[in-house]
Amino acid sequence: MKILAAFIKETATFPRFEELRLSARTRKINKFWPPADISAALDAIARRRSTMRPGSTEVEYLDLSGAILIDTDLIGANLERALLFDANLEGADLRGANLKGAVLDRAIFDGAHLEGADFRGATGVDWNYIIQVASTDIKTLPP
């Protein structure tokens, strides 16, 4: 998982995809985002079963900090303990995603779909911001 996360961070970060930080109108024109290689890596990461390193009691943190994950399909993804600070998740579909213990400082969630996402234990979450920008009607917030 560490290798896939490193690949995504290296491939889907500023400045290579700077143009993807543009308006929603521009993003809709680009129907090839995310590229197939990034999409495949995200699919594998989304299906990970454990946050423990194999044969160890050590926690494995998934470092996707700073990644541009605009409009990605992360439905039901296991992003437990993911480092997503400074990540751009605009328009990402995170319905039912496991974000327990994730680090979300300065993550961008504009237009993200968050129905059923589990944020328990996540840090750096600004709920006022999430409520304003996500395309989700969040009725209950974690403590």
N, C-alpha and C. Protein backbone atom coordinates (compact mmCIF):
# COMPACT_ATOMS: atom_id res chain seq x y z
N MET A 1 0.82 -1.19 0.00
CA MET A 1 0.00 0.00 0.00
C MET A 1 0.86 1.25 0.00
N LYS A 2 1.99 1.18 0.70
CA LYS A 2 2.87 2.32 0.77
C LYS A 2 3.36 2.74 -0.62
N ILE A 3 3.67 1.76 -1.45
CA ILE A 3 4.15 2.04 -2.81
C ILE A 3 3.05 2.68 -3.64
N LEU A 4 1.83 2.16 -3.54
CA LEU A 4 0.71 2.73 -4.29
C LEU A 4 0.42 4.17 -3.84
N ALA A 5 0.46 4.39 -2.53
CA ALA A 5 0.23 5.74 -2.01
C ALA A 5 1.31 6.69 -2.51
N ALA A 6 2.55 6.24 -2.51
CA ALA A 6 3.65 7.07 -3.00
C ALA A 6 3.46 7.39 -4.48
N PHE A 7 3.03 6.41 -5.25
CA PHE A 7 2.77 6.61 -6.68
C PHE A 7 1.69 7.68 -6.88
N ILE A 8 0.60 7.57 -6.12
CA ILE A 8 -0.50 8.53 -6.25
C ILE A 8 -0.01 9.92 -5.87
N LYS A 9 0.72 10.02 -4.76
CA LYS A 9 1.22 11.32 -4.33
C LYS A 9 2.14 11.93 -5.38
N GLU A 10 2.99 11.13 -5.96
CA GLU A 10 3.95 11.62 -6.96
C GLU A 10 3.24 12.01 -8.26
N THR A 11 2.22 11.26 -8.63
CA THR A 11 1.56 11.45 -9.92
C THR A 11 0.43 12.46 -9.86
N ALA A 12 -0.32 12.47 -8.78
CA ALA A 12 -1.52 13.31 -8.70
C ALA A 12 -1.34 14.49 -7.75
N THR A 13 -0.25 15.19 -7.88
CA THR A 13 -0.03 16.36 -7.04
C THR A 13 0.40 17.55 -7.86
N PHE A 14 0.33 18.68 -7.26
CA PHE A 14 0.77 19.93 -7.85
C PHE A 14 2.26 19.80 -8.12
N PRO A 15 2.85 20.26 -9.23
CA PRO A 15 2.24 21.07 -10.27
C PRO A 15 1.71 20.29 -11.47
N ARG A 16 1.94 18.96 -11.54
CA ARG A 16 1.57 18.21 -12.74
C ARG A 16 0.11 18.40 -13.11
N PHE A 17 -0.76 18.39 -12.13
CA PHE A 17 -2.18 18.54 -12.42
C PHE A 17 -2.73 19.85 -11.90
N GLU A 18 -1.92 20.89 -11.98
CA GLU A 18 -2.34 22.21 -11.49
C GLU A 18 -3.65 22.64 -12.13
N GLU A 19 -3.81 22.32 -13.42
CA GLU A 19 -5.02 22.72 -14.12
C GLU A 19 -6.27 22.09 -13.54
N LEU A 20 -6.13 20.98 -12.80
CA LEU A 20 -7.30 20.33 -12.21
C LEU A 20 -7.82 21.06 -10.99
N ARG A 21 -7.07 22.04 -10.52
CA ARG A 21 -7.52 22.84 -9.40
C ARG A 21 -8.46 23.94 -9.88
N LEU A 22 -8.71 24.00 -11.16
CA LEU A 22 -9.55 25.05 -11.72
C LEU A 22 -11.01 24.81 -11.40
N SER A 23 -11.85 25.59 -11.98
CA SER A 23 -13.28 25.57 -11.67
C SER A 23 -13.95 24.24 -11.99
N ALA A 24 -15.10 24.04 -11.38
CA ALA A 24 -15.88 22.81 -11.62
C ALA A 24 -16.23 22.69 -13.09
N ARG A 25 -16.48 23.79 -13.73
CA ARG A 25 -16.81 23.77 -15.16
C ARG A 25 -15.67 23.16 -15.96
N THR A 26 -14.45 23.54 -15.66
CA THR A 26 -13.28 23.01 -16.35
C THR A 26 -13.14 21.52 -16.06
N ARG A 27 -13.37 21.10 -14.82
CA ARG A 27 -13.22 19.69 -14.45
C ARG A 27 -14.19 18.82 -15.24
N LYS A 28 -15.41 19.30 -15.44
CA LYS A 28 -16.40 18.50 -16.16
C LYS A 28 -15.99 18.26 -17.61
N ILE A 29 -15.25 19.19 -18.18
CA ILE A 29 -14.76 19.02 -19.55
C ILE A 29 -13.73 17.90 -19.61
N ASN A 30 -12.93 17.77 -18.55
CA ASN A 30 -11.88 16.76 -18.53
C ASN A 30 -12.46 15.42 -18.07
N LYS A 31 -12.99 14.65 -19.01
CA LYS A 31 -13.63 13.38 -18.64
C LYS A 31 -12.61 12.25 -18.45
N PHE A 32 -11.33 12.55 -18.60
CA PHE A 32 -10.30 11.53 -18.45
C PHE A 32 -9.63 11.59 -17.08
N TRP A 33 -10.24 12.28 -16.14
CA TRP A 33 -9.68 12.33 -14.79
C TRP A 33 -10.50 11.44 -13.89
N PRO A 34 -9.93 10.64 -13.03
CA PRO A 34 -8.48 10.46 -12.92
C PRO A 34 -7.95 9.55 -14.02
N PRO A 35 -6.67 9.71 -14.36
CA PRO A 35 -6.07 8.81 -15.35
C PRO A 35 -6.17 7.35 -14.89
N ALA A 36 -6.13 6.43 -15.83
CA ALA A 36 -6.32 5.00 -15.54
C ALA A 36 -5.34 4.49 -14.50
N ASP A 37 -4.07 4.94 -14.54
CA ASP A 37 -3.09 4.42 -13.59
C ASP A 37 -3.40 4.88 -12.16
N ILE A 38 -3.81 6.12 -12.01
CA ILE A 38 -4.17 6.62 -10.68
C ILE A 38 -5.45 5.94 -10.20
N SER A 39 -6.40 5.78 -11.10
CA SER A 39 -7.66 5.13 -10.76
C SER A 39 -7.43 3.70 -10.28
N ALA A 40 -6.56 2.96 -10.95
CA ALA A 40 -6.26 1.58 -10.55
C ALA A 40 -5.59 1.54 -9.18
N ALA A 41 -4.67 2.45 -8.94
CA ALA A 41 -3.99 2.50 -7.64
C ALA A 41 -4.98 2.84 -6.53
N LEU A 42 -5.88 3.79 -6.80
CA LEU A 42 -6.90 4.15 -5.81
C LEU A 42 -7.86 2.99 -5.54
N ASP A 43 -8.20 2.23 -6.57
CA ASP A 43 -9.07 1.06 -6.39
C ASP A 43 -8.42 0.05 -5.44
N ALA A 44 -7.14 -0.21 -5.63
CA ALA A 44 -6.42 -1.17 -4.77
C ALA A 44 -6.37 -0.66 -3.34
N ILE A 45 -6.09 0.61 -3.16
CA ILE A 45 -6.02 1.20 -1.83
C ILE A 45 -7.40 1.17 -1.17
N ALA A 46 -8.43 1.49 -1.93
CA ALA A 46 -9.79 1.52 -1.39
C ALA A 46 -10.21 0.16 -0.83
N ARG A 47 -9.68 -0.90 -1.39
CA ARG A 47 -10.07 -2.25 -0.97
C ARG A 47 -9.19 -2.81 0.15
N ARG A 48 -8.22 -2.06 0.61
CA ARG A 48 -7.33 -2.62 1.65
C ARG A 48 -8.15 -3.05 2.85
N ARG A 49 -7.73 -4.11 3.46
CA ARG A 49 -8.52 -4.69 4.56
C ARG A 49 -8.04 -4.26 5.93
N SER A 50 -6.76 -4.02 6.07
CA SER A 50 -6.22 -3.75 7.40
C SER A 50 -5.35 -2.51 7.39
N THR A 51 -5.25 -1.88 8.55
CA THR A 51 -4.35 -0.75 8.69
C THR A 51 -3.10 -1.17 9.46
N MET A 52 -2.96 -2.47 9.67
CA MET A 52 -1.77 -2.98 10.35
C MET A 52 -0.79 -3.51 9.32
N ARG A 53 0.49 -3.31 9.57
CA ARG A 53 1.50 -3.85 8.66
C ARG A 53 1.47 -5.36 8.76
N PRO A 54 1.60 -6.06 7.63
CA PRO A 54 1.55 -7.52 7.66
C PRO A 54 2.60 -8.10 8.61
N GLY A 55 2.15 -9.01 9.48
CA GLY A 55 3.04 -9.67 10.43
C GLY A 55 3.56 -8.76 11.52
N SER A 56 2.84 -7.66 11.78
CA SER A 56 3.32 -6.70 12.77
C SER A 56 2.13 -6.16 13.56
N THR A 57 2.44 -5.52 14.67
CA THR A 57 1.41 -4.84 15.44
C THR A 57 1.48 -3.34 15.18
N GLU A 58 2.31 -2.95 14.24
CA GLU A 58 2.52 -1.55 13.90
C GLU A 58 1.43 -1.05 12.95
N VAL A 59 0.92 0.14 13.21
CA VAL A 59 -0.11 0.73 12.36
C VAL A 59 0.53 1.24 11.08
N GLU A 60 -0.13 0.98 9.96
CA GLU A 60 0.35 1.49 8.67
C GLU A 60 -0.50 2.69 8.28
N TYR A 61 0.14 3.85 8.23
CA TYR A 61 -0.56 5.06 7.81
C TYR A 61 -0.46 5.18 6.30
N LEU A 62 -1.55 5.53 5.68
CA LEU A 62 -1.61 5.68 4.24
C LEU A 62 -1.40 7.16 3.93
N ASP A 63 -0.25 7.51 3.37
CA ASP A 63 0.09 8.91 3.16
C ASP A 63 -0.33 9.39 1.78
N LEU A 64 -1.46 10.08 1.73
CA LEU A 64 -1.95 10.69 0.49
C LEU A 64 -2.00 12.21 0.65
N SER A 65 -1.17 12.72 1.55
CA SER A 65 -1.16 14.16 1.80
C SER A 65 -0.79 14.92 0.54
N GLY A 66 -1.55 15.97 0.27
CA GLY A 66 -1.30 16.82 -0.88
C GLY A 66 -1.77 16.26 -2.22
N ALA A 67 -2.33 15.06 -2.23
CA ALA A 67 -2.77 14.46 -3.49
C ALA A 67 -4.01 15.18 -4.03
N ILE A 68 -4.09 15.28 -5.34
CA ILE A 68 -5.25 15.86 -5.99
C ILE A 68 -6.17 14.70 -6.38
N LEU A 69 -7.24 14.56 -5.63
CA LEU A 69 -8.17 13.44 -5.82
C LEU A 69 -9.54 13.97 -6.24
N ILE A 70 -9.52 14.97 -7.10
CA ILE A 70 -10.74 15.61 -7.57
C ILE A 70 -11.61 14.60 -8.33
N ASP A 71 -12.89 14.59 -7.99
CA ASP A 71 -13.89 13.77 -8.69
C ASP A 71 -13.57 12.27 -8.70
N THR A 72 -12.82 11.79 -7.73
CA THR A 72 -12.49 10.36 -7.70
C THR A 72 -13.61 9.55 -7.07
N ASP A 73 -13.69 8.30 -7.44
CA ASP A 73 -14.69 7.38 -6.91
C ASP A 73 -14.05 6.61 -5.76
N LEU A 74 -14.39 7.01 -4.54
CA LEU A 74 -13.86 6.36 -3.35
C LEU A 74 -15.01 5.81 -2.50
N ILE A 75 -16.06 5.36 -3.17
CA ILE A 75 -17.23 4.81 -2.47
C ILE A 75 -16.79 3.60 -1.65
N GLY A 76 -17.07 3.65 -0.35
CA GLY A 76 -16.75 2.54 0.54
C GLY A 76 -15.26 2.32 0.76
N ALA A 77 -14.43 3.26 0.37
CA ALA A 77 -12.98 3.10 0.50
C ALA A 77 -12.55 3.01 1.96
N ASN A 78 -11.56 2.16 2.22
CA ASN A 78 -10.99 2.06 3.55
C ASN A 78 -9.81 3.03 3.63
N LEU A 79 -10.09 4.23 4.11
CA LEU A 79 -9.07 5.26 4.26
C LEU A 79 -8.78 5.49 5.73
N GLU A 80 -8.98 4.44 6.52
CA GLU A 80 -8.72 4.53 7.95
C GLU A 80 -7.26 4.90 8.17
N ARG A 81 -7.06 5.87 9.04
CA ARG A 81 -5.73 6.38 9.40
C ARG A 81 -4.96 6.93 8.20
N ALA A 82 -5.68 7.39 7.19
CA ALA A 82 -5.01 7.98 6.03
C ALA A 82 -4.56 9.40 6.37
N LEU A 83 -3.41 9.77 5.86
CA LEU A 83 -2.91 11.13 5.99
C LEU A 83 -3.39 11.88 4.75
N LEU A 84 -4.44 12.65 4.91
CA LEU A 84 -5.05 13.36 3.79
C LEU A 84 -4.95 14.87 3.96
N PHE A 85 -4.03 15.32 4.81
CA PHE A 85 -3.90 16.76 4.97
C PHE A 85 -3.42 17.38 3.66
N ASP A 86 -3.98 18.54 3.36
CA ASP A 86 -3.70 19.28 2.12
C ASP A 86 -4.16 18.54 0.86
N ALA A 87 -4.93 17.47 0.99
CA ALA A 87 -5.43 16.75 -0.20
C ALA A 87 -6.63 17.50 -0.76
N ASN A 88 -6.81 17.42 -2.07
CA ASN A 88 -7.95 18.05 -2.72
C ASN A 88 -8.94 16.95 -3.11
N LEU A 89 -10.04 16.89 -2.38
CA LEU A 89 -11.08 15.88 -2.59
C LEU A 89 -12.35 16.52 -3.15
N GLU A 90 -12.19 17.60 -3.92
CA GLU A 90 -13.34 18.27 -4.51
C GLU A 90 -14.15 17.29 -5.36
N GLY A 91 -15.43 17.22 -5.09
CA GLY A 91 -16.31 16.38 -5.89
C GLY A 91 -16.08 14.88 -5.73
N ALA A 92 -15.19 14.48 -4.84
CA ALA A 92 -14.92 13.05 -4.64
C ALA A 92 -16.16 12.36 -4.07
N ASP A 93 -16.37 11.13 -4.46
CA ASP A 93 -17.49 10.35 -3.95
C ASP A 93 -16.98 9.46 -2.83
N LEU A 94 -17.21 9.90 -1.60
CA LEU A 94 -16.73 9.20 -0.41
C LEU A 94 -17.88 8.56 0.36
N ARG A 95 -18.99 8.27 -0.33
CA ARG A 95 -20.13 7.66 0.35
C ARG A 95 -19.71 6.33 0.98
N GLY A 96 -19.99 6.20 2.28
CA GLY A 96 -19.69 4.97 2.99
C GLY A 96 -18.21 4.73 3.23
N ALA A 97 -17.37 5.72 2.98
CA ALA A 97 -15.93 5.55 3.17
C ALA A 97 -15.57 5.49 4.65
N ASN A 98 -14.53 4.75 4.97
CA ASN A 98 -14.02 4.64 6.33
C ASN A 98 -12.87 5.63 6.46
N LEU A 99 -13.12 6.74 7.15
CA LEU A 99 -12.10 7.76 7.38
C LEU A 99 -11.75 7.84 8.86
N LYS A 100 -11.97 6.74 9.58
CA LYS A 100 -11.67 6.71 11.02
C LYS A 100 -10.19 7.02 11.23
N GLY A 101 -9.93 7.96 12.14
CA GLY A 101 -8.55 8.27 12.49
C GLY A 101 -7.76 8.98 11.41
N ALA A 102 -8.42 9.41 10.34
CA ALA A 102 -7.71 10.09 9.25
C ALA A 102 -7.27 11.48 9.70
N VAL A 103 -6.20 11.98 9.11
CA VAL A 103 -5.72 13.32 9.38
C VAL A 103 -6.13 14.19 8.20
N LEU A 104 -7.03 15.14 8.45
CA LEU A 104 -7.69 15.87 7.38
C LEU A 104 -7.43 17.38 7.39
N ASP A 105 -6.39 17.81 8.07
CA ASP A 105 -6.09 19.25 8.13
C ASP A 105 -5.98 19.84 6.73
N ARG A 106 -6.69 20.91 6.49
CA ARG A 106 -6.67 21.68 5.24
C ARG A 106 -7.08 20.87 4.01
N ALA A 107 -7.72 19.73 4.20
CA ALA A 107 -8.23 18.95 3.06
C ALA A 107 -9.41 19.72 2.46
N ILE A 108 -9.54 19.66 1.14
CA ILE A 108 -10.60 20.37 0.44
C ILE A 108 -11.70 19.38 0.09
N PHE A 109 -12.92 19.65 0.56
CA PHE A 109 -14.06 18.76 0.35
C PHE A 109 -15.19 19.40 -0.45
N ASP A 110 -14.94 20.50 -1.14
CA ASP A 110 -16.00 21.19 -1.88
C ASP A 110 -16.71 20.22 -2.82
N GLY A 111 -18.03 20.11 -2.69
CA GLY A 111 -18.82 19.27 -3.57
C GLY A 111 -18.66 17.77 -3.36
N ALA A 112 -17.95 17.37 -2.31
CA ALA A 112 -17.75 15.94 -2.05
C ALA A 112 -19.05 15.29 -1.57
N HIS A 113 -19.21 14.03 -1.87
CA HIS A 113 -20.38 13.24 -1.43
C HIS A 113 -19.93 12.43 -0.22
N LEU A 114 -20.52 12.73 0.93
CA LEU A 114 -20.05 12.15 2.19
C LEU A 114 -21.09 11.31 2.91
N GLU A 115 -22.20 10.98 2.25
CA GLU A 115 -23.25 10.21 2.90
C GLU A 115 -22.68 8.91 3.47
N GLY A 116 -22.88 8.71 4.76
CA GLY A 116 -22.47 7.46 5.40
C GLY A 116 -20.99 7.33 5.65
N ALA A 117 -20.20 8.35 5.35
CA ALA A 117 -18.76 8.28 5.62
C ALA A 117 -18.54 8.30 7.13
N ASP A 118 -17.57 7.53 7.60
CA ASP A 118 -17.28 7.41 9.02
C ASP A 118 -16.04 8.23 9.36
N PHE A 119 -16.24 9.34 10.06
CA PHE A 119 -15.16 10.25 10.42
C PHE A 119 -14.73 10.10 11.88
N ARG A 120 -15.19 9.06 12.57
CA ARG A 120 -14.86 8.92 13.99
C ARG A 120 -13.35 8.92 14.19
N GLY A 121 -12.91 9.75 15.12
CA GLY A 121 -11.48 9.81 15.46
C GLY A 121 -10.64 10.58 14.45
N ALA A 122 -11.26 11.08 13.39
CA ALA A 122 -10.49 11.87 12.41
C ALA A 122 -10.09 13.19 13.04
N THR A 123 -8.94 13.69 12.66
CA THR A 123 -8.46 14.97 13.20
C THR A 123 -8.38 16.00 12.09
N GLY A 124 -8.43 17.26 12.50
CA GLY A 124 -8.33 18.36 11.55
C GLY A 124 -9.60 18.60 10.77
N VAL A 125 -10.72 18.07 11.24
CA VAL A 125 -11.99 18.23 10.54
C VAL A 125 -12.66 19.51 11.00
N ASP A 126 -12.94 20.40 10.06
CA ASP A 126 -13.69 21.61 10.35
C ASP A 126 -15.13 21.36 9.90
N TRP A 127 -15.98 20.96 10.85
CA TRP A 127 -17.34 20.56 10.51
C TRP A 127 -18.15 21.69 9.91
N ASN A 128 -17.91 22.93 10.34
CA ASN A 128 -18.63 24.06 9.75
C ASN A 128 -18.31 24.16 8.26
N TYR A 129 -17.05 23.97 7.92
CA TYR A 129 -16.63 23.98 6.51
C TYR A 129 -17.28 22.83 5.74
N ILE A 130 -17.24 21.62 6.31
CA ILE A 130 -17.81 20.44 5.66
C ILE A 130 -19.30 20.66 5.38
N ILE A 131 -20.02 21.16 6.35
CA ILE A 131 -21.46 21.39 6.19
C ILE A 131 -21.73 22.40 5.08
N GLN A 132 -20.89 23.41 4.95
CA GLN A 132 -21.09 24.45 3.94
C GLN A 132 -20.76 23.97 2.53
N VAL A 133 -19.74 23.15 2.37
CA VAL A 133 -19.25 22.88 1.01
C VAL A 133 -19.58 21.50 0.46
N ALA A 134 -19.80 20.52 1.31
CA ALA A 134 -20.06 19.17 0.81
C ALA A 134 -21.46 19.11 0.19
N SER A 135 -21.60 18.24 -0.80
CA SER A 135 -22.91 18.10 -1.46
C SER A 135 -23.76 17.10 -0.70
N THR A 136 -23.58 17.07 0.59
CA THR A 136 -24.25 16.11 1.44
C THR A 136 -25.01 16.83 2.52
N ASP A 137 -26.19 16.36 2.82
CA ASP A 137 -26.94 16.90 3.95
C ASP A 137 -26.54 16.10 5.17
N ILE A 138 -25.59 16.61 5.92
CA ILE A 138 -25.11 15.90 7.10
C ILE A 138 -26.01 16.27 8.27
N LYS A 139 -26.71 15.28 8.77
CA LYS A 139 -27.65 15.53 9.85
C LYS A 139 -27.02 15.30 11.22
N THR A 140 -26.13 14.36 11.32
CA THR A 140 -25.49 14.09 12.60
C THR A 140 -23.98 14.14 12.40
N LEU A 141 -23.32 14.73 13.36
CA LEU A 141 -21.87 14.85 13.30
C LEU A 141 -21.26 14.06 14.43
N PRO A 142 -20.08 13.48 14.18
CA PRO A 142 -19.42 12.75 15.25
C PRO A 142 -19.00 13.70 16.37
N PRO A 143 -18.81 13.15 17.57
CA PRO A 143 -18.42 14.03 18.70
C PRO A 143 -17.06 14.65 18.45
